[in-house]
Protein backbone atom coordinates (compact mmCIF):
# COMPACT_ATOMS: atom_id res chain seq x y z
CA MET A 1 -13.91 -3.72 -32.85
CA ALA A 2 -14.89 -7.48 -33.41
CA LEU A 3 -18.37 -8.39 -34.14
CA GLY A 4 -20.60 -9.49 -31.15
CA THR A 5 -18.13 -7.32 -28.74
CA ASP A 6 -19.88 -5.16 -25.86
CA PRO A 7 -19.10 -1.72 -26.44
CA ALA A 8 -19.55 -0.82 -22.65
CA ALA A 9 -17.32 -4.24 -21.31
CA GLU A 10 -14.53 -2.89 -24.16
CA ALA A 11 -14.67 0.20 -22.57
CA GLY A 12 -14.34 -1.14 -19.00
CA SER A 13 -11.74 -3.46 -19.85
CA GLY A 14 -9.87 -0.32 -21.10
CA ALA A 15 -10.20 1.66 -18.19
CA LEU A 16 -9.27 -1.47 -15.87
CA ALA A 17 -6.58 -2.73 -17.77
CA GLU A 18 -2.71 -2.36 -16.80
CA PRO A 19 -1.24 1.13 -17.45
CA THR A 20 1.15 1.49 -20.26
CA GLU A 21 2.29 5.13 -20.26
CA PRO A 22 3.09 6.90 -17.27
CA PRO A 23 1.08 9.85 -16.29
CA PRO A 24 2.30 13.30 -16.80
CA THR A 25 4.47 15.04 -14.11
CA ARG A 26 1.19 17.58 -13.25
CA TRP A 27 -0.60 14.67 -12.28
CA LEU A 28 2.16 13.18 -9.90
CA VAL A 29 2.29 16.69 -8.42
CA SER A 30 -0.85 17.34 -7.66
CA PHE A 31 -1.33 13.53 -6.69
CA CYS A 32 1.86 13.81 -4.17
CA LEU A 33 0.40 17.29 -2.69
CA ALA A 34 -3.05 15.43 -1.86
CA THR A 35 -1.33 12.85 -0.13
CA LEU A 36 0.69 15.60 1.66
CA GLY A 37 -2.17 17.18 2.96
CA THR A 38 -3.92 14.09 3.98
CA PHE A 39 -1.19 13.47 6.46
CA VAL A 40 -0.97 16.76 7.67
CA GLY A 41 -4.43 16.02 8.93
CA TRP A 42 -3.41 12.53 10.55
CA TYR A 43 0.13 13.79 11.69
CA GLY A 44 -0.31 16.98 13.13
CA PRO A 45 -3.19 15.37 16.06
CA LEU A 46 -1.01 12.26 16.24
CA GLN A 47 2.69 13.90 16.66
CA ILE A 48 1.40 16.65 19.09
CA LEU A 49 -1.85 17.58 19.26
CA LEU A 50 -3.73 14.65 20.80
CA ALA A 51 -0.77 14.20 23.50
CA LYS A 52 -1.04 18.02 24.62
CA GLN A 53 -4.99 17.56 24.97
CA ALA A 54 -4.76 14.32 27.13
CA ASP A 55 -1.91 15.67 28.98
CA LEU A 56 -4.32 18.64 29.90
CA LEU A 57 -7.47 16.88 30.05
CA SER A 58 -5.74 14.00 32.68
CA PRO A 59 -2.32 14.57 33.31
CA ALA A 60 -1.98 11.99 35.90
CA THR A 61 -3.26 9.26 33.29
CA LYS A 62 -2.46 10.71 30.16
CA GLU A 63 -0.70 7.76 28.70
CA SER A 64 -3.89 5.75 29.05
CA VAL A 65 -6.17 8.21 27.52
CA LEU A 66 -3.69 9.01 24.47
CA ALA A 67 -3.80 4.44 24.21
CA TRP A 68 -7.49 4.68 24.09
CA VAL A 69 -7.41 7.60 21.68
CA ALA A 70 -5.31 6.34 19.13
CA GLY A 71 -6.53 2.71 19.65
CA VAL A 72 -10.29 3.65 19.11
CA GLY A 73 -9.29 6.07 16.16
CA ALA A 74 -7.12 3.33 14.48
CA ALA A 75 -9.99 0.95 14.90
CA ALA A 76 -12.10 3.46 13.22
CA SER A 77 -9.58 3.68 10.18
CA LEU A 78 -9.68 -0.14 10.20
CA VAL A 79 -12.77 -0.45 9.13
CA ALA A 80 -13.18 2.99 6.92
CA ASN A 81 -9.88 2.56 4.58
CA PRO A 82 -11.20 -0.70 2.59
CA LEU A 83 -14.81 0.60 2.88
CA TRP A 84 -13.64 3.86 0.82
CA GLY A 85 -11.85 1.84 -1.59
CA ALA A 86 -14.49 -0.78 -2.06
CA ALA A 87 -16.87 2.06 -3.09
CA SER A 88 -14.47 3.64 -5.07
CA ASP A 89 -14.32 0.90 -7.18
CA ARG A 90 -18.04 0.88 -7.74
CA THR A 91 -18.16 4.65 -8.54
CA THR A 92 -19.09 5.28 -11.73
CA SER A 93 -19.35 9.24 -12.05
CA ARG A 94 -17.72 11.46 -14.77
CA TRP A 95 -15.42 12.82 -12.38
CA GLY A 96 -13.76 9.01 -12.48
CA ARG A 97 -13.83 6.48 -9.57
CA ARG A 98 -11.08 7.91 -7.24
CA VAL A 99 -11.32 11.65 -7.67
CA PRO A 100 -14.91 12.24 -5.64
CA TYR A 101 -13.05 10.66 -2.56
CA VAL A 102 -10.36 12.58 -2.39
CA LEU A 103 -12.67 15.87 -2.35
CA ALA A 104 -15.37 14.76 -0.18
CA GLY A 105 -12.63 12.91 2.18
CA GLY A 106 -10.57 16.22 2.43
CA LEU A 107 -13.55 18.52 3.17
CA ALA A 108 -14.87 16.28 5.86
CA GLY A 109 -11.43 15.63 7.19
CA ALA A 110 -11.02 19.26 7.63
CA ALA A 111 -14.43 19.63 9.40
CA GLY A 112 -13.64 16.72 12.00
CA LEU A 113 -10.43 18.63 12.96
CA VAL A 114 -12.34 21.52 13.88
CA VAL A 115 -14.38 19.21 15.76
CA LEU A 116 -11.75 17.50 17.43
CA SER A 117 -10.13 21.34 18.61
CA ARG A 118 -13.27 21.44 20.80
CA ALA A 119 -13.16 18.26 22.28
CA GLY A 120 -13.67 19.28 26.31
CA SER A 121 -13.28 15.35 27.58
CA VAL A 122 -11.78 12.30 26.70
CA GLY A 123 -15.10 10.93 24.92
CA GLY A 124 -15.02 14.08 23.23
CA LEU A 125 -11.67 13.59 21.87
CA ILE A 126 -12.45 10.02 20.86
CA VAL A 127 -15.45 11.04 19.17
CA GLY A 128 -13.55 13.79 17.02
CA TRP A 129 -10.47 11.34 16.35
CA CYS A 130 -12.61 8.79 14.93
CA LEU A 131 -14.45 11.55 12.74
CA VAL A 132 -10.97 12.47 11.47
CA GLN A 133 -9.59 8.74 11.11
CA VAL A 134 -13.40 8.10 8.96
CA ALA A 135 -12.86 11.13 6.51
CA LEU A 136 -9.68 11.12 5.72
CA ASN A 137 -9.20 7.61 4.88
CA ALA A 138 -11.28 8.32 1.83
CA PRO A 139 -9.09 10.31 -0.04
CA PHE A 140 -6.30 8.08 1.69
CA ALA A 141 -8.08 5.04 -0.20
CA ALA A 142 -8.74 6.48 -3.18
CA LEU A 143 -4.93 7.59 -3.68
CA CYS A 144 -3.63 4.30 -2.88
CA ALA A 145 -5.84 2.69 -5.81
CA ALA A 146 -4.50 5.55 -8.11
CA ILE A 147 -1.30 4.12 -8.53
CA PRO A 148 -2.21 0.97 -9.83
CA ASP A 149 -4.72 2.53 -11.82
CA GLN A 150 -2.47 5.06 -13.91
CA VAL A 151 1.02 4.15 -13.29
CA PRO A 152 3.04 1.08 -15.41
CA LEU A 153 4.44 -1.56 -12.94
CA ALA A 154 8.14 -0.79 -14.10
CA ARG A 155 7.71 2.88 -12.70
CA ARG A 156 5.52 1.90 -9.20
CA GLY A 157 8.89 1.65 -7.37
CA THR A 158 9.78 5.07 -8.53
CA VAL A 159 6.38 6.57 -8.25
CA GLY A 160 5.96 4.93 -4.69
CA GLY A 161 9.05 6.59 -3.69
CA TRP A 162 7.18 9.77 -4.42
CA PHE A 163 4.34 8.77 -2.71
CA GLY A 164 6.88 7.94 0.33
CA VAL A 165 8.38 11.62 -0.09
CA ALA A 166 4.68 13.08 -0.01
CA GLN A 167 3.88 11.20 3.26
CA THR A 168 6.97 12.32 5.11
CA VAL A 169 6.64 15.89 4.36
CA GLY A 170 3.17 15.61 5.03
CA ILE A 171 4.52 14.07 8.61
CA ILE A 172 6.66 17.31 8.80
CA ALA A 173 4.33 19.84 7.45
CA GLY A 174 1.67 18.34 10.19
CA THR A 175 4.12 18.44 13.17
CA GLY A 176 5.28 22.00 12.66
CA LEU A 177 1.81 23.41 12.03
CA ALA A 178 0.92 22.32 15.17
CA ALA A 179 3.76 23.28 17.02
CA ALA A 180 3.46 26.65 15.32
CA GLY A 181 -0.36 27.33 16.03
CA GLY A 182 0.00 28.88 19.43
CA SER A 183 -2.38 26.42 20.82
CA VAL A 184 -4.29 23.62 20.21
CA THR A 185 -7.34 25.30 18.58
CA GLY A 186 -4.23 27.07 16.37
CA GLY A 187 -2.94 24.02 15.29
CA TYR A 188 -5.84 22.05 14.35
CA ALA A 189 -6.99 25.25 12.66
CA ALA A 190 -3.94 25.22 10.45
CA CYS A 191 -4.20 21.65 9.77
CA ALA A 192 -7.18 22.02 8.63
CA VAL A 193 -7.23 24.50 5.88
CA PHE A 194 -4.01 22.80 4.88
CA VAL A 195 -5.79 19.97 4.05
CA VAL A 196 -8.65 21.59 2.10
CA LEU A 197 -5.91 23.48 -0.40
CA ALA A 198 -3.86 20.40 -0.63
CA VAL A 199 -6.48 18.20 -2.00
CA LEU A 200 -8.24 21.07 -4.97
CA PRO A 201 -5.13 20.72 -7.24
CA PHE A 202 -5.71 16.70 -7.84
CA VAL A 203 -9.57 17.40 -7.57
CA LEU A 204 -9.46 20.13 -10.59
CA LEU A 205 -7.12 18.34 -12.85
CA ARG A 206 -9.52 15.00 -12.88
CA ARG A 207 -7.38 12.73 -14.41
CA ASP A 208 -9.04 9.78 -13.48
CA PRO A 209 -10.44 7.00 -15.92
CA VAL A 210 -14.28 6.79 -16.32
CA VAL A 211 -15.50 3.17 -15.97
CA PRO A 212 -18.63 2.51 -17.37
CA ARG A 213 -21.59 0.82 -14.54
CA SER A 214 -21.25 -2.51 -16.50
CA ALA A 215 -17.79 -2.99 -15.66
CA VAL A 216 -17.65 -2.60 -11.92
CA PRO A 217 -18.62 -4.40 -9.06
CA SER A 218 -22.13 -4.81 -7.48
CA TRP A 219 -23.41 -2.56 -4.60
CA ASP A 220 -25.22 -5.82 -3.43
CA LEU A 221 -24.24 -5.69 0.49
CA GLY A 222 -24.20 -9.59 0.97
CA GLU A 223 -21.66 -9.50 -2.79
CA LEU A 224 -19.89 -6.33 -1.00
CA ALA A 225 -19.31 -7.83 2.36
CA ARG A 226 -18.02 -11.18 0.85
CA SER A 227 -15.33 -9.19 -1.01
CA PHE A 228 -13.42 -8.69 1.90
CA TRP A 229 -12.11 -12.04 2.16
CA VAL A 230 -9.23 -12.78 -0.01
CA SER A 231 -8.77 -16.39 0.34
CA PRO A 232 -4.64 -17.05 1.66
CA ARG A 233 -5.48 -20.37 -0.32
CA GLU A 234 -6.25 -18.84 -3.57
CA HIS A 235 -3.89 -15.74 -3.15
CA PRO A 236 -1.17 -16.68 -0.71
CA ASP A 237 1.39 -14.00 -2.10
CA PHE A 238 -1.37 -11.30 -0.95
CA ALA A 239 -1.35 -12.86 2.09
CA TRP A 240 1.81 -13.21 2.68
CA ALA A 241 2.24 -9.15 2.07
CA TRP A 242 -0.49 -8.32 4.29
CA VAL A 243 1.43 -10.39 7.16
CA THR A 244 4.71 -8.76 6.42
CA ARG A 245 3.39 -5.36 6.49
CA PHE A 246 1.22 -6.31 9.52
CA LEU A 247 4.38 -7.03 11.27
CA ILE A 248 6.52 -4.08 10.51
CA ASN A 249 3.67 -1.55 11.06
CA LEU A 250 3.18 -2.83 14.86
CA GLY A 251 6.78 -2.88 15.20
CA ASN A 252 6.83 0.97 14.53
CA ALA A 253 3.54 1.75 16.19
CA ILE A 254 5.02 0.47 19.41
CA ALA A 255 7.79 2.52 18.99
CA LEU A 256 6.46 5.55 18.16
CA LEU A 257 3.09 5.73 20.16
CA TYR A 258 5.02 7.23 23.56
CA LEU A 259 7.56 8.93 21.94
CA TRP A 260 6.39 12.51 23.48
CA TYR A 261 6.26 10.53 26.48
CA TYR A 262 9.81 8.73 26.51
CA LEU A 263 11.41 12.40 25.53
CA LYS A 264 9.65 14.03 28.31
CA ASP A 265 9.76 11.34 30.88
CA GLU A 266 12.91 8.81 30.04
CA VAL A 267 15.02 10.94 28.11
CA GLY A 268 14.52 14.42 30.25
CA VAL A 269 13.83 16.60 27.39
CA GLY A 270 12.48 20.10 28.43
CA ASP A 271 10.64 20.96 25.58
CA PRO A 272 9.12 17.81 24.06
CA ASP A 273 6.80 19.35 21.34
CA GLY A 274 10.34 21.18 19.77
CA ALA A 275 12.09 17.87 20.50
CA VAL A 276 9.65 15.52 18.29
CA PHE A 277 9.31 18.24 15.71
CA LEU A 278 13.20 17.89 15.56
CA LEU A 279 13.35 14.64 15.62
CA THR A 280 10.90 14.27 12.59
CA VAL A 281 12.90 16.59 10.52
CA VAL A 282 15.66 14.54 10.86
CA TYR A 283 13.88 11.35 10.40
CA ALA A 284 12.28 12.80 7.07
CA LEU A 285 15.59 13.98 6.04
CA ALA A 286 17.10 10.60 6.17
CA LEU A 287 13.70 9.25 4.47
CA LEU A 288 14.10 11.57 1.66
CA SER A 289 17.95 10.79 1.10
CA THR A 290 16.88 7.41 0.25
CA VAL A 291 12.85 6.98 -0.40
CA VAL A 292 12.95 7.62 -4.25
CA VAL A 293 16.32 6.13 -5.04
CA SER A 294 15.49 3.09 -3.63
CA GLY A 295 11.98 2.93 -5.37
CA THR A 296 14.40 3.54 -8.66
CA TRP A 297 16.69 1.11 -8.12
CA SER A 298 14.10 -1.44 -7.53
CA ASP A 299 12.14 -0.95 -10.47
CA ARG A 300 15.56 -0.93 -12.85
CA VAL A 301 17.01 -4.28 -11.01
CA GLY A 302 13.33 -6.00 -10.69
CA ARG A 303 13.67 -6.88 -7.27
CA ARG A 304 11.71 -5.97 -4.43
CA ARG A 305 12.14 -8.59 -1.16
CA VAL A 306 15.69 -8.02 -0.78
CA PHE A 307 15.29 -4.22 -0.37
CA VAL A 308 12.14 -5.04 2.37
CA VAL A 309 14.31 -7.58 4.13
CA ALA A 310 17.39 -5.19 4.37
CA ALA A 311 14.77 -2.09 5.43
CA GLY A 312 13.23 -4.41 8.22
CA VAL A 313 16.89 -4.90 9.74
CA VAL A 314 17.81 -1.18 9.68
CA MET A 315 14.71 -0.33 11.63
CA ALA A 316 15.26 -2.82 14.20
CA VAL A 317 18.72 -1.70 14.71
CA ALA A 318 16.85 2.09 15.41
CA ALA A 319 14.50 0.67 18.16
CA LEU A 320 17.56 -0.81 19.71
CA VAL A 321 18.94 2.45 19.51
CA LEU A 322 16.40 3.67 21.76
CA ALA A 323 16.20 1.00 23.94
CA PHE A 324 20.15 1.32 25.15
CA VAL A 325 21.00 5.03 24.40
CA PRO A 326 18.13 6.54 26.01
CA THR A 327 19.66 9.99 25.50
CA PHE A 328 18.46 12.90 23.08
CA GLY A 329 21.73 12.18 21.16
CA GLY A 330 20.69 8.57 21.05
CA ALA A 331 17.39 9.76 19.67
CA VAL A 332 18.75 11.71 16.71
CA VAL A 333 20.93 8.81 15.52
CA ALA A 334 17.88 6.60 16.15
CA ALA A 335 15.83 9.13 13.51
CA VAL A 336 18.49 9.09 11.09
CA VAL A 337 18.82 5.15 11.11
CA LEU A 338 14.80 4.69 11.22
CA GLY A 339 14.39 7.00 8.62
CA THR A 340 16.94 5.89 6.14
CA GLY A 341 15.13 2.09 6.67
CA PHE A 342 11.75 3.58 6.30
CA GLY A 343 12.79 4.92 3.08
CA VAL A 344 13.27 2.05 1.56
CA TYR A 345 10.68 -0.10 3.21
CA THR A 346 7.87 2.45 1.96
CA SER A 347 8.76 3.00 -1.59
CA VAL A 348 9.28 -0.76 -2.07
CA ASP A 349 6.78 -2.54 -0.20
CA PHE A 350 4.19 -0.25 -2.03
CA ALA A 351 5.47 -1.68 -5.36
CA LEU A 352 5.55 -5.12 -4.32
CA VAL A 353 1.90 -4.77 -2.67
CA THR A 354 0.65 -3.45 -6.05
CA GLN A 355 1.94 -6.90 -7.85
CA VAL A 356 0.19 -8.80 -5.71
CA LEU A 357 -3.43 -7.56 -6.36
CA PRO A 358 -5.92 -10.43 -6.81
CA ALA A 359 -8.10 -8.11 -9.66
CA ALA A 360 -7.76 -4.83 -11.34
CA VAL A 361 -11.64 -4.53 -10.97
CA SER A 362 -11.28 -4.31 -7.20
CA ARG A 363 -7.82 -2.60 -6.80
CA GLY A 364 -9.81 -0.08 -4.42
CA LYS A 365 -10.87 -2.54 -2.04
CA ASP A 366 -7.63 -5.08 -2.12
CA LEU A 367 -5.60 -1.95 -1.04
CA GLY A 368 -7.95 -1.29 1.46
CA VAL A 369 -7.71 -4.75 3.03
CA ILE A 370 -3.71 -4.29 2.52
CA ASN A 371 -4.09 -1.09 4.83
CA ILE A 372 -5.68 -2.86 7.36
CA ALA A 373 -2.14 -3.86 8.16
CA ASN A 374 -1.40 0.03 8.43
CA ALA A 375 -4.33 0.63 10.68
CA LEU A 376 -4.45 -2.69 13.05
CA PRO A 377 -1.18 -1.84 14.59
CA GLN A 378 -2.19 1.03 15.70
CA VAL A 379 -5.14 -0.79 17.60
CA LEU A 380 -2.84 -3.39 18.87
CA ALA A 381 -0.12 -1.00 19.77
CA PRO A 382 -1.36 0.54 23.07
CA VAL A 383 -2.26 -3.28 24.39
CA VAL A 384 1.32 -4.09 24.07
CA ALA A 385 2.67 -0.87 24.86
CA ALA A 386 0.83 0.29 27.90
CA PRO A 387 1.91 -3.01 30.04
CA LEU A 388 5.31 -2.82 28.76
CA VAL A 389 6.04 0.36 29.64
CA ALA A 390 4.10 0.38 33.35
CA HIS A 391 4.51 -3.28 34.47
CA LEU A 392 7.10 -4.87 32.55
CA GLY A 393 10.59 -3.03 32.39
CA GLY A 394 9.81 0.58 30.73
CA TYR A 395 11.04 1.77 27.92
CA PRO A 396 14.17 -0.64 26.95
CA VAL A 397 12.00 -3.37 27.12
CA LEU A 398 9.27 -1.36 24.82
CA TYR A 399 11.65 -1.19 22.41
CA THR A 400 13.44 -4.38 22.35
CA VAL A 401 9.98 -5.68 21.62
CA SER A 402 9.50 -3.41 18.47
CA ALA A 403 12.73 -4.42 16.89
CA ALA A 404 11.76 -8.02 17.54
CA VAL A 405 8.41 -7.80 15.81
CA GLY A 406 9.77 -5.99 12.92
CA LEU A 407 12.41 -8.26 11.75
CA VAL A 408 10.16 -11.04 11.86
CA GLY A 409 8.10 -9.36 9.38
CA ALA A 410 10.87 -8.58 7.10
CA ALA A 411 11.79 -12.38 7.03
CA LEU A 412 8.34 -13.25 6.10
CA VAL A 413 8.73 -11.03 2.98
CA LEU A 414 10.94 -13.86 1.39
CA ARG A 415 7.34 -16.02 1.80
CA ILE A 416 6.31 -14.27 -1.04
CA ARG A 417 6.65 -16.19 -4.49
CA SER A 418 6.03 -14.33 -7.55
CA VAL A 419 7.42 -11.08 -6.91
CA ARG A 420 11.44 -11.32 -7.05
């Protein structure tokens, strides 16, 4: 150690440096399991349970009720994710920066699911879903930041692919648990138990670098608030990555919000629960066929943008199939196409984003800002989708708009200059 070097600063610098060695397989397995559990907690309600509760509470206005619940919950998520990310950046516990949020958020999310299961009014539904959203964003923010914390740049496409696998399996498992629960209450209970069990291996492994207090940002509220603004002038590639993700996710959110009602009312499926589950499985299998392969391929060729553009085009095709082929067979084809495209997008876009983060010391917060581009579309989708379905042409117009928005987002990734 050189004369005059601060040992704490040097330790902090080492903990915050770009990783050079890939984490062990046991870390990746526990990381994926925790991610899977988080998505079970989200998508059991989103795919089936919230729609069923809205139908039970207000059959005549179920679409509007679901739109309000999903929109307000997404607004809560929009705020919570970057806050949890910023908090984890500033955490110096002996468990590391990210692990405490995975544990606490998983437990609180399971409790929120139990509260949500007992909602007897639209207001109760909104409050319960907000609790779940806020709680589960803690492990999600921490897990996102764990990748650039521990995975070398040349392996992030591959690990991003496994991250996508875990999310997809979580969607399937959440949908399956919700459908197999026997009732709304049973579905929520099954999801809650799974969330808790899934986060424990990651917590117990405790492979999380400890950063000294001198190396982390201040807890000063003014400084914290100012840190959420990432100047597009100073970091233009970060800004374009945000816009790209926002538009692609907005297109998907517009398309998926009313899937249960599309199958029930437009296609005429007699068992929309079963149909949603089947389509989710088909979508997931298609995604799994491309998500790791495309991430690994992207790592090997050192290119990201072309994969995102191709994925956007493929996903737009899926939306157009739903628009102009309103049959269950058409929905199955759309699920295959969408899963194929989203598999490519999920792994490669995440790797791309980690390459445009402004600073290692604020990875959690900056990824939280990026994740606003995931949550904000959930807020805006009901605003866009409800009038399209009710007054401006119905589901064909809805899915055409979805395709157009996604295509614009994919094209804008080409404005990023620092990543090939």
